[in-house]
C-alpha atoms as a PDB file:
ATOM      1  CA  MET A   1      14.659 -13.955 -19.761  1.00  0.00           C
ATOM      2  CA  SER A   2      13.940 -11.750 -17.356  1.00  0.00           C
ATOM      3  CA  THR A   3      16.226 -10.745 -14.399  1.00  0.00           C
ATOM      4  CA  GLN A   4      13.842  -9.501 -12.498  1.00  0.00           C
ATOM      5  CA  ARG A   5      12.823 -10.431  -8.420  1.00  0.00           C
ATOM      6  CA  PRO A   6      10.060  -9.174  -6.739  1.00  0.00           C
ATOM      7  CA  PRO A   7      10.653  -6.766  -3.822  1.00  0.00           C
ATOM      8  CA  LEU A   8      10.296  -9.581  -1.499  1.00  0.00           C
ATOM      9  CA  VAL A   9       9.890 -13.294  -2.440  1.00  0.00           C
ATOM     10  CA  GLY A  10       5.952 -13.938  -1.407  1.00  0.00           C
ATOM     11  CA  ASP A  11       5.212 -10.329  -0.763  1.00  0.00           C
ATOM     12  CA  LYS A  12       2.119  -8.536  -3.215  1.00  0.00           C
ATOM     13  CA  VAL A  13       2.919  -5.062  -4.248  1.00  0.00           C
ATOM     14  CA  PHE A  14      -0.248  -3.251  -5.230  1.00  0.00           C
ATOM     15  CA  THR A  15      -0.808   0.014  -6.981  1.00  0.00           C
ATOM     16  CA  ILE A  16      -2.539   2.652  -6.157  1.00  0.00           C
ATOM     17  CA  PRO A  17      -6.020   1.593  -7.660  1.00  0.00           C
ATOM     18  CA  GLU A  18      -6.283  -1.851  -6.621  1.00  0.00           C
ATOM     19  CA  VAL A  19      -5.495  -0.599  -2.899  1.00  0.00           C
ATOM     20  CA  ALA A  20      -8.408   1.695  -3.138  1.00  0.00           C
ATOM     21  CA  ALA A  21     -10.822  -1.110  -4.283  1.00  0.00           C
ATOM     22  CA  TYR A  22      -9.531  -3.470  -1.517  1.00  0.00           C
ATOM     23  CA  LEU A  23     -10.485  -0.625   1.488  1.00  0.00           C
ATOM     24  CA  LYS A  24     -13.263   0.497  -0.618  1.00  0.00           C
ATOM     25  CA  ILE A  25     -12.246   3.836  -0.565  1.00  0.00           C
ATOM     26  CA  SER A  26     -11.013   6.769  -3.517  1.00  0.00           C
ATOM     27  CA  LYS A  27      -8.011   6.929  -4.919  1.00  0.00           C
ATOM     28  CA  SER A  28      -8.099  10.933  -4.069  1.00  0.00           C
ATOM     29  CA  LYS A  29      -8.029   9.568  -0.592  1.00  0.00           C
ATOM     30  CA  ILE A  30      -5.252   6.956  -0.794  1.00  0.00           C
ATOM     31  CA  TYR A  31      -3.422   9.826  -2.607  1.00  0.00           C
ATOM     32  CA  ASP A  32      -4.334  11.750   0.415  1.00  0.00           C
ATOM     33  CA  LEU A  33      -3.024   9.236   2.915  1.00  0.00           C
ATOM     34  CA  LEU A  34      -0.113   8.772   0.506  1.00  0.00           C
ATOM     35  CA  SER A  35       1.123  12.730   0.639  1.00  0.00           C
ATOM     36  CA  HIS A  36       0.557  12.405   4.777  1.00  0.00           C
ATOM     37  CA  LYS A  37       2.985   9.212   5.432  1.00  0.00           C
ATOM     38  CA  LYS A  38       0.204   7.358   6.945  1.00  0.00           C
ATOM     39  CA  ILE A  39       0.237   4.115   4.678  1.00  0.00           C
ATOM     40  CA  PRO A  40       3.883   3.042   3.842  1.00  0.00           C
ATOM     41  CA  HIS A  41       4.565   2.851   0.121  1.00  0.00           C
ATOM     42  CA  LEU A  42       8.032   2.777  -2.546  1.00  0.00           C
ATOM     43  CA  LYS A  43       7.885   4.788  -5.782  1.00  0.00           C
ATOM     44  CA  VAL A  44       9.224   3.651  -9.017  1.00  0.00           C
ATOM     45  CA  GLY A  45       9.824   6.475 -10.714  1.00  0.00           C
ATOM     46  CA  ARG A  46       6.828   8.380 -10.660  1.00  0.00           C
ATOM     47  CA  ASN A  47       4.844   5.495  -9.852  1.00  0.00           C
ATOM     48  CA  VAL A  48       3.496   3.996  -6.533  1.00  0.00           C
ATOM     49  CA  ARG A  49       3.287   0.552  -5.307  1.00  0.00           C
ATOM     50  CA  ILE A  50       2.164  -0.221  -1.631  1.00  0.00           C
ATOM     51  CA  ARG A  51       3.806  -4.410  -0.506  1.00  0.00           C
ATOM     52  CA  GLU A  52       0.982  -6.231   1.155  1.00  0.00           C
ATOM     53  CA  SER A  53       2.633  -6.925   4.280  1.00  0.00           C
ATOM     54  CA  ASP A  54       3.168  -3.139   4.456  1.00  0.00           C
ATOM     55  CA  LEU A  55      -0.892  -2.537   3.866  1.00  0.00           C
ATOM     56  CA  LEU A  56      -2.001  -5.782   6.258  1.00  0.00           C
ATOM     57  CA  ARG A  57      -0.011  -3.739   9.159  1.00  0.00           C
ATOM     58  CA  TRP A  58      -1.211  -0.591   7.900  1.00  0.00           C
ATOM     59  CA  GLU A  59      -4.870  -2.063   8.435  1.00  0.00           C
ATOM     60  CA  GLU A  60      -4.289  -3.734  12.197  1.00  0.00           C
ATOM     61  CA  LEU A  61      -2.514  -0.279  13.405  1.00  0.00           C
ATOM     62  CA  GLN A  62      -6.177   1.042  12.441  1.00  0.00           C
ATOM     63  CA  ILE A  63      -8.085  -1.847  14.493  1.00  0.00           C
ATOM     64  CA  GLU A  64      -5.806  -1.062  17.224  1.00  0.00           C
ATOM     65  CA  LYS A  65      -6.462   2.754  16.581  1.00  0.00           C
ATOM     66  CA  ALA A  66      -9.844   2.266  16.306  1.00  0.00           C
ATOM     67  CA  LEU A  67     -10.121  -0.642  19.298  1.00  0.00           C
ATOM     68  CA  LEU A  68      -8.591   2.254  22.068  1.00  0.00           C
END
């Protein structure tokens, strides 16, 4: 029986390849955005994870910037 809980109830957590596929951009571009702290992310050891809520919030901000 596992005692691990999700980071936030109802909030999915994505890997780099999943985010790249969702945004339809390369994994290297995702790493570039992360290294410049453009997309909020979590590090679990050497693994990077991005919460769905953070990704959607970031995506909305990008849309707002494009409309200015």
